[in-house]
Amino acid sequence: MRYKVLVVLEKAPRNYSAYAPNVPGCIAAGKTIEETLELMQEALQAHLEWMAQDGDLMPEISAVDAHVLEIEVSTPTTVTA
């Protein structure tokens, strides 16, 4: 069975990290985006294979695409306590 899995990449101060919202507990980190995605693909492959071997219910994957939206938020000029 083939899965199309949404992977979220985040930038940390010294590396990148990745996780799959539909596959809890499956994460990866690397020094570059490419390395992180490669490690995440390996992690997902192993994670999903272990789930299948253990007879666990496979996660429902519904992602078809993802977009990054830039949102401008006005902040108040005064802070009240």
PDB file of N, CA and C in Angstrom:
ATOM      1  N   MET A   1       0.845  -1.175   0.000  1.00  0.00           N
ATOM      2  CA  MET A   1       0.000   0.000   0.000  1.00  0.00           C
ATOM      3  C   MET A   1       0.893   1.242   0.000  1.00  0.00           C
ATOM      4  N   ARG A   2       0.535   2.228  -0.778  1.00  0.00           N
ATOM      5  CA  ARG A   2       1.300   3.477  -0.849  1.00  0.00           C
ATOM      6  C   ARG A   2       0.559   4.553  -0.071  1.00  0.00           C
ATOM      7  N   TYR A   3       1.321   5.357   0.621  1.00  0.00           N
ATOM      8  CA  TYR A   3       0.769   6.467   1.397  1.00  0.00           C
ATOM      9  C   TYR A   3       1.340   7.777   0.896  1.00  0.00           C
ATOM     10  N   LYS A   4       0.521   8.798   0.881  1.00  0.00           N
ATOM     11  CA  LYS A   4       0.971  10.162   0.643  1.00  0.00           C
ATOM     12  C   LYS A   4       0.831  10.852   1.993  1.00  0.00           C
ATOM     13  N   VAL A   5       1.957  11.104   2.650  1.00  0.00           N
ATOM     14  CA  VAL A   5       1.960  11.575   4.038  1.00  0.00           C
ATOM     15  C   VAL A   5       2.397  13.031   4.102  1.00  0.00           C
ATOM     16  N   LEU A   6       1.602  13.844   4.782  1.00  0.00           N
ATOM     17  CA  LEU A   6       1.965  15.232   5.015  1.00  0.00           C
ATOM     18  C   LEU A   6       3.075  15.284   6.052  1.00  0.00           C
ATOM     19  N   VAL A   7       4.157  15.964   5.736  1.00  0.00           N
ATOM     20  CA  VAL A   7       5.279  16.142   6.651  1.00  0.00           C
ATOM     21  C   VAL A   7       5.460  17.633   6.875  1.00  0.00           C
ATOM     22  N   VAL A   8       5.545  18.019   8.130  1.00  0.00           N
ATOM     23  CA  VAL A   8       5.755  19.418   8.498  1.00  0.00           C
ATOM     24  C   VAL A   8       7.225  19.602   8.848  1.00  0.00           C
ATOM     25  N   LEU A   9       7.845  20.599   8.213  1.00  0.00           N
ATOM     26  CA  LEU A   9       9.239  20.944   8.500  1.00  0.00           C
ATOM     27  C   LEU A   9       9.279  22.210   9.331  1.00  0.00           C
ATOM     28  N   GLU A  10      10.146  22.203  10.334  1.00  0.00           N
ATOM     29  CA  GLU A  10      10.324  23.393  11.163  1.00  0.00           C
ATOM     30  C   GLU A  10      11.801  23.714  11.257  1.00  0.00           C
ATOM     31  N   LYS A  11      12.122  25.004  11.275  1.00  0.00           N
ATOM     32  CA  LYS A  11      13.508  25.456  11.407  1.00  0.00           C
ATOM     33  C   LYS A  11      13.796  25.733  12.870  1.00  0.00           C
ATOM     34  N   ALA A  12      14.840  25.136  13.377  1.00  0.00           N
ATOM     35  CA  ALA A  12      15.328  25.399  14.728  1.00  0.00           C
ATOM     36  C   ALA A  12      16.610  26.227  14.593  1.00  0.00           C
ATOM     37  N   PRO A  13      17.166  26.719  15.697  1.00  0.00           N
ATOM     38  CA  PRO A  13      18.362  27.550  15.584  1.00  0.00           C
ATOM     39  C   PRO A  13      19.532  26.871  14.858  1.00  0.00           C
ATOM     40  N   ARG A  14      19.691  25.552  15.029  1.00  0.00           N
ATOM     41  CA  ARG A  14      20.863  24.880  14.453  1.00  0.00           C
ATOM     42  C   ARG A  14      20.529  23.734  13.506  1.00  0.00           C
ATOM     43  N   ASN A  15      19.242  23.426  13.318  1.00  0.00           N
ATOM     44  CA  ASN A  15      18.886  22.305  12.455  1.00  0.00           C
ATOM     45  C   ASN A  15      17.441  22.433  11.998  1.00  0.00           C
ATOM     46  N   TYR A  16      16.948  21.389  11.393  1.00  0.00           N
ATOM     47  CA  TYR A  16      15.559  21.300  10.971  1.00  0.00           C
ATOM     48  C   TYR A  16      14.942  20.076  11.637  1.00  0.00           C
ATOM     49  N   SER A  17      13.649  20.126  11.859  1.00  0.00           N
ATOM     50  CA  SER A  17      12.947  18.960  12.380  1.00  0.00           C
ATOM     51  C   SER A  17      11.709  18.727  11.527  1.00  0.00           C
ATOM     52  N   ALA A  18      11.222  17.498  11.569  1.00  0.00           N
ATOM     53  CA  ALA A  18      10.050  17.133  10.785  1.00  0.00           C
ATOM     54  C   ALA A  18       9.170  16.198  11.587  1.00  0.00           C
ATOM     55  N   TYR A  19       7.874  16.309  11.333  1.00  0.00           N
ATOM     56  CA  TYR A  19       6.929  15.369  11.916  1.00  0.00           C
ATOM     57  C   TYR A  19       5.752  15.205  10.966  1.00  0.00           C
ATOM     58  N   ALA A  20       5.016  14.111  11.156  1.00  0.00           N
ATOM     59  CA  ALA A  20       3.841  13.834  10.341  1.00  0.00           C
ATOM     60  C   ALA A  20       2.624  13.877  11.256  1.00  0.00           C
ATOM     61  N   PRO A  21       1.738  14.869  11.093  1.00  0.00           N
ATOM     62  CA  PRO A  21       0.581  14.997  11.980  1.00  0.00           C
ATOM     63  C   PRO A  21      -0.298  13.748  12.048  1.00  0.00           C
ATOM     64  N   ASN A  22      -0.382  12.982  10.966  1.00  0.00           N
ATOM     65  CA  ASN A  22      -1.224  11.791  10.946  1.00  0.00           C
ATOM     66  C   ASN A  22      -0.516  10.535  11.453  1.00  0.00           C
ATOM     67  N   VAL A  23       0.771  10.655  11.780  1.00  0.00           N
ATOM     68  CA  VAL A  23       1.537   9.507  12.271  1.00  0.00           C
ATOM     69  C   VAL A  23       2.232   9.940  13.566  1.00  0.00           C
ATOM     70  N   PRO A  24       1.482   9.990  14.663  1.00  0.00           N
ATOM     71  CA  PRO A  24       2.041  10.457  15.938  1.00  0.00           C
ATOM     72  C   PRO A  24       3.276   9.662  16.356  1.00  0.00           C
ATOM     73  N   GLY A  25       4.251  10.391  16.858  1.00  0.00           N
ATOM     74  CA  GLY A  25       5.471   9.753  17.352  1.00  0.00           C
ATOM     75  C   GLY A  25       6.540   9.553  16.308  1.00  0.00           C
ATOM     76  N   CYS A  26       6.263   9.862  15.062  1.00  0.00           N
ATOM     77  CA  CYS A  26       7.248   9.686  14.001  1.00  0.00           C
ATOM     78  C   CYS A  26       7.864  11.049  13.687  1.00  0.00           C
ATOM     79  N   ILE A  27       9.142  11.205  14.052  1.00  0.00           N
ATOM     80  CA  ILE A  27       9.833  12.484  13.880  1.00  0.00           C
ATOM     81  C   ILE A  27      11.231  12.253  13.331  1.00  0.00           C
ATOM     82  N   ALA A  28      11.846  13.321  12.851  1.00  0.00           N
ATOM     83  CA  ALA A  28      13.226  13.265  12.378  1.00  0.00           C
ATOM     84  C   ALA A  28      13.834  14.659  12.493  1.00  0.00           C
ATOM     85  N   ALA A  29      15.153  14.710  12.543  1.00  0.00           N
ATOM     86  CA  ALA A  29      15.871  15.988  12.579  1.00  0.00           C
ATOM     87  C   ALA A  29      17.157  15.850  11.789  1.00  0.00           C
ATOM     88  N   GLY A  30      17.555  16.946  11.148  1.00  0.00           N
ATOM     89  CA  GLY A  30      18.783  16.941  10.371  1.00  0.00           C
ATOM     90  C   GLY A  30      19.344  18.340  10.230  1.00  0.00           C
ATOM     91  N   LYS A  31      20.547  18.425   9.670  1.00  0.00           N
ATOM     92  CA  LYS A  31      21.209  19.719   9.519  1.00  0.00           C
ATOM     93  C   LYS A  31      20.685  20.512   8.333  1.00  0.00           C
ATOM     94  N   THR A  32      20.147  19.817   7.325  1.00  0.00           N
ATOM     95  CA  THR A  32      19.603  20.486   6.145  1.00  0.00           C
ATOM     96  C   THR A  32      18.174  19.999   5.903  1.00  0.00           C
ATOM     97  N   ILE A  33      17.449  20.722   5.076  1.00  0.00           N
ATOM     98  CA  ILE A  33      16.098  20.288   4.721  1.00  0.00           C
ATOM     99  C   ILE A  33      16.146  18.928   4.034  1.00  0.00           C
ATOM    100  N   GLU A  34      17.092  18.774   3.099  1.00  0.00           N
ATOM    101  CA  GLU A  34      17.194  17.530   2.348  1.00  0.00           C
ATOM    102  C   GLU A  34      17.479  16.353   3.271  1.00  0.00           C
ATOM    103  N   GLU A  35      18.432  16.529   4.192  1.00  0.00           N
ATOM    104  CA  GLU A  35      18.765  15.461   5.134  1.00  0.00           C
ATOM    105  C   GLU A  35      17.560  15.129   6.018  1.00  0.00           C
ATOM    106  N   THR A  36      16.873  16.149   6.477  1.00  0.00           N
ATOM    107  CA  THR A  36      15.721  15.947   7.353  1.00  0.00           C
ATOM    108  C   THR A  36      14.619  15.191   6.628  1.00  0.00           C
ATOM    109  N   LEU A  37      14.334  15.548   5.376  1.00  0.00           N
ATOM    110  CA  LEU A  37      13.310  14.846   4.608  1.00  0.00           C
ATOM    111  C   LEU A  37      13.703  13.401   4.327  1.00  0.00           C
ATOM    112  N   GLU A  38      14.976  13.164   4.046  1.00  0.00           N
ATOM    113  CA  GLU A  38      15.452  11.799   3.814  1.00  0.00           C
ATOM    114  C   GLU A  38      15.301  10.952   5.084  1.00  0.00           C
ATOM    115  N   LEU A  39      15.692  11.514   6.206  1.00  0.00           N
ATOM    116  CA  LEU A  39      15.554  10.799   7.481  1.00  0.00           C
ATOM    117  C   LEU A  39      14.091  10.576   7.838  1.00  0.00           C
ATOM    118  N   MET A  40      13.243  11.544   7.519  1.00  0.00           N
ATOM    119  CA  MET A  40      11.825  11.403   7.812  1.00  0.00           C
ATOM    120  C   MET A  40      11.204  10.328   6.944  1.00  0.00           C
ATOM    121  N   GLN A  41      11.608  10.244   5.697  1.00  0.00           N
ATOM    122  CA  GLN A  41      11.084   9.197   4.824  1.00  0.00           C
ATOM    123  C   GLN A  41      11.470   7.821   5.372  1.00  0.00           C
ATOM    124  N   GLU A  42      12.711   7.677   5.805  1.00  0.00           N
ATOM    125  CA  GLU A  42      13.155   6.411   6.396  1.00  0.00           C
ATOM    126  C   GLU A  42      12.377   6.106   7.677  1.00  0.00           C
ATOM    127  N   ALA A  43      12.158   7.124   8.500  1.00  0.00           N
ATOM    128  CA  ALA A  43      11.430   6.934   9.756  1.00  0.00           C
ATOM    129  C   ALA A  43       9.984   6.517   9.481  1.00  0.00           C
ATOM    130  N   LEU A  44       9.338   7.169   8.527  1.00  0.00           N
ATOM    131  CA  LEU A  44       7.962   6.816   8.184  1.00  0.00           C
ATOM    132  C   LEU A  44       7.873   5.402   7.627  1.00  0.00           C
ATOM    133  N   GLN A  45       8.809   5.046   6.774  1.00  0.00           N
ATOM    134  CA  GLN A  45       8.831   3.694   6.202  1.00  0.00           C
ATOM    135  C   GLN A  45       8.891   2.660   7.319  1.00  0.00           C
ATOM    136  N   ALA A  46       9.821   2.828   8.236  1.00  0.00           N
ATOM    137  CA  ALA A  46       9.970   1.876   9.336  1.00  0.00           C
ATOM    138  C   ALA A  46       8.745   1.893  10.245  1.00  0.00           C
ATOM    139  N   HIS A  47       8.274   3.080  10.597  1.00  0.00           N
ATOM    140  CA  HIS A  47       7.141   3.228  11.512  1.00  0.00           C
ATOM    141  C   HIS A  47       5.890   2.532  10.961  1.00  0.00           C
ATOM    142  N   LEU A  48       5.566   2.790   9.699  1.00  0.00           N
ATOM    143  CA  LEU A  48       4.372   2.210   9.098  1.00  0.00           C
ATOM    144  C   LEU A  48       4.516   0.702   8.911  1.00  0.00           C
ATOM    145  N   GLU A  49       5.719   0.232   8.582  1.00  0.00           N
ATOM    146  CA  GLU A  49       5.940  -1.207   8.451  1.00  0.00           C
ATOM    147  C   GLU A  49       5.783  -1.910   9.802  1.00  0.00           C
ATOM    148  N   TRP A  50       6.312  -1.298  10.863  1.00  0.00           N
ATOM    149  CA  TRP A  50       6.165  -1.885  12.206  1.00  0.00           C
ATOM    150  C   TRP A  50       4.697  -1.936  12.609  1.00  0.00           C
ATOM    151  N   MET A  51       3.965  -0.864  12.309  1.00  0.00           N
ATOM    152  CA  MET A  51       2.537  -0.851  12.627  1.00  0.00           C
ATOM    153  C   MET A  51       1.814  -1.986  11.906  1.00  0.00           C
ATOM    154  N   ALA A  52       2.113  -2.174  10.618  1.00  0.00           N
ATOM    155  CA  ALA A  52       1.471  -3.224   9.830  1.00  0.00           C
ATOM    156  C   ALA A  52       1.833  -4.603  10.384  1.00  0.00           C
ATOM    157  N   GLN A  53       3.108  -4.814  10.732  1.00  0.00           N
ATOM    158  CA  GLN A  53       3.552  -6.100  11.274  1.00  0.00           C
ATOM    159  C   GLN A  53       2.898  -6.404  12.620  1.00  0.00           C
ATOM    160  N   ASP A  54       2.666  -5.372  13.421  1.00  0.00           N
ATOM    161  CA  ASP A  54       2.051  -5.557  14.732  1.00  0.00           C
ATOM    162  C   ASP A  54       0.530  -5.656  14.661  1.00  0.00           C
ATOM    163  N   GLY A  55      -0.024  -5.488  13.473  1.00  0.00           N
ATOM    164  CA  GLY A  55      -1.469  -5.559  13.313  1.00  0.00           C
ATOM    165  C   GLY A  55      -2.192  -4.317  13.801  1.00  0.00           C
ATOM    166  N   ASP A  56      -1.464  -3.224  13.984  1.00  0.00           N
ATOM    167  CA  ASP A  56      -2.081  -1.970  14.410  1.00  0.00           C
ATOM    168  C   ASP A  56      -2.922  -1.388  13.281  1.00  0.00           C
ATOM    169  N   LEU A  57      -3.918  -0.607  13.657  1.00  0.00           N
ATOM    170  CA  LEU A  57      -4.685   0.114  12.653  1.00  0.00           C
ATOM    171  C   LEU A  57      -3.784   1.145  11.994  1.00  0.00           C
ATOM    172  N   MET A  58      -3.799   1.174  10.692  1.00  0.00           N
ATOM    173  CA  MET A  58      -2.971   2.122   9.969  1.00  0.00           C
ATOM    174  C   MET A  58      -3.624   3.497  10.050  1.00  0.00           C
ATOM    175  N   PRO A  59      -2.802   4.552  10.158  1.00  0.00           N
ATOM    176  CA  PRO A  59      -3.366   5.902  10.264  1.00  0.00           C
ATOM    177  C   PRO A  59      -4.101   6.285   8.993  1.00  0.00           C
ATOM    178  N   GLU A  60      -5.170   7.044   9.174  1.00  0.00           N
ATOM    179  CA  GLU A  60      -5.902   7.548   8.016  1.00  0.00           C
ATOM    180  C   GLU A  60      -5.155   8.773   7.501  1.00  0.00           C
ATOM    181  N   ILE A  61      -4.707   8.693   6.286  1.00  0.00           N
ATOM    182  CA  ILE A  61      -3.955   9.781   5.679  1.00  0.00           C
ATOM    183  C   ILE A  61      -4.877  10.477   4.683  1.00  0.00           C
ATOM    184  N   SER A  62      -5.095  11.775   4.896  1.00  0.00           N
ATOM    185  CA  SER A  62      -6.013  12.495   4.022  1.00  0.00           C
ATOM    186  C   SER A  62      -5.358  13.670   3.316  1.00  0.00           C
ATOM    187  N   ALA A  63      -4.073  13.888   3.528  1.00  0.00           N
ATOM    188  CA  ALA A  63      -3.403  15.041   2.932  1.00  0.00           C
ATOM    189  C   ALA A  63      -3.249  14.863   1.425  1.00  0.00           C
ATOM    190  N   VAL A  64      -3.507  15.939   0.708  1.00  0.00           N
ATOM    191  CA  VAL A  64      -3.277  15.942  -0.731  1.00  0.00           C
ATOM    192  C   VAL A  64      -2.293  17.033  -1.136  1.00  0.00           C
ATOM    193  N   ASP A  65      -2.153  18.045  -0.275  1.00  0.00           N
ATOM    194  CA  ASP A  65      -1.249  19.154  -0.571  1.00  0.00           C
ATOM    195  C   ASP A  65      -1.144  20.017   0.675  1.00  0.00           C
ATOM    196  N   ALA A  66      -0.169  20.898   0.706  1.00  0.00           N
ATOM    197  CA  ALA A  66      -0.012  21.823   1.824  1.00  0.00           C
ATOM    198  C   ALA A  66       0.479  23.162   1.288  1.00  0.00           C
ATOM    199  N   HIS A  67       0.148  24.208   2.003  1.00  0.00           N
ATOM    200  CA  HIS A  67       0.551  25.555   1.613  1.00  0.00           C
ATOM    201  C   HIS A  67       1.007  26.305   2.852  1.00  0.00           C
ATOM    202  N   VAL A  68       1.939  27.207   2.680  1.00  0.00           N
ATOM    203  CA  VAL A  68       2.354  28.101   3.752  1.00  0.00           C
ATOM    204  C   VAL A  68       1.686  29.442   3.479  1.00  0.00           C
ATOM    205  N   LEU A  69       0.927  29.914   4.439  1.00  0.00           N
ATOM    206  CA  LEU A  69       0.242  31.195   4.301  1.00  0.00           C
ATOM    207  C   LEU A  69       0.926  32.222   5.184  1.00  0.00           C
ATOM    208  N   GLU A  70       1.152  33.403   4.648  1.00  0.00           N
ATOM    209  CA  GLU A  70       1.754  34.489   5.421  1.00  0.00           C
ATOM    210  C   GLU A  70       0.628  35.387   5.910  1.00  0.00           C
ATOM    211  N   ILE A  71       0.560  35.564   7.218  1.00  0.00           N
ATOM    212  CA  ILE A  71      -0.514  36.331   7.832  1.00  0.00           C
ATOM    213  C   ILE A  71       0.088  37.518   8.578  1.00  0.00           C
ATOM    214  N   GLU A  72      -0.424  38.723   8.324  1.00  0.00           N
ATOM    215  CA  GLU A  72       0.013  39.892   9.065  1.00  0.00           C
ATOM    216  C   GLU A  72      -1.006  40.159  10.177  1.00  0.00           C
ATOM    217  N   VAL A  73      -0.500  40.250  11.394  1.00  0.00           N
ATOM    218  CA  VAL A  73      -1.372  40.457  12.548  1.00  0.00           C
ATOM    219  C   VAL A  73      -0.995  41.790  13.191  1.00  0.00           C
ATOM    220  N   SER A  74      -1.982  42.660  13.325  1.00  0.00           N
ATOM    221  CA  SER A  74      -1.751  43.937  13.997  1.00  0.00           C
ATOM    222  C   SER A  74      -1.648  43.694  15.493  1.00  0.00           C
ATOM    223  N   THR A  75      -0.670  44.309  16.110  1.00  0.00           N
ATOM    224  CA  THR A  75      -0.522  44.162  17.555  1.00  0.00           C
ATOM    225  C   THR A  75      -0.840  45.493  18.220  1.00  0.00           C
ATOM    226  N   PRO A  76      -1.441  45.443  19.386  1.00  0.00           N
ATOM    227  CA  PRO A  76      -1.754  46.708  20.086  1.00  0.00           C
ATOM    228  C   PRO A  76      -0.473  47.425  20.485  1.00  0.00           C
ATOM    229  N   THR A  77      -0.545  48.760  20.513  1.00  0.00           N
ATOM    230  CA  THR A  77       0.644  49.539  20.871  1.00  0.00           C
ATOM    231  C   THR A  77       0.801  49.682  22.370  1.00  0.00           C
ATOM    232  N   THR A  78      -0.245  49.426  23.117  1.00  0.00           N
ATOM    233  CA  THR A  78      -0.146  49.473  24.592  1.00  0.00           C
ATOM    234  C   THR A  78      -0.548  48.140  25.180  1.00  0.00           C
ATOM    235  N   VAL A  79       0.064  47.835  26.296  1.00  0.00           N
ATOM    236  CA  VAL A  79      -0.228  46.595  26.984  1.00  0.00           C
ATOM    237  C   VAL A  79      -0.898  46.927  28.292  1.00  0.00           C
ATOM    238  N   THR A  80      -2.033  46.292  28.571  1.00  0.00           N
ATOM    239  CA  THR A  80      -2.713  46.524  29.848  1.00  0.00           C
ATOM    240  C   THR A  80      -2.497  45.327  30.757  1.00  0.00           C
ATOM    241  N   ALA A  81      -2.356  45.626  32.031  1.00  0.00           N
ATOM    242  CA  ALA A  81      -2.112  44.531  32.983  1.00  0.00           C
ATOM    243  C   ALA A  81      -3.373  44.133  33.687  1.00  0.00           C
TER     244      ALA A  81
END
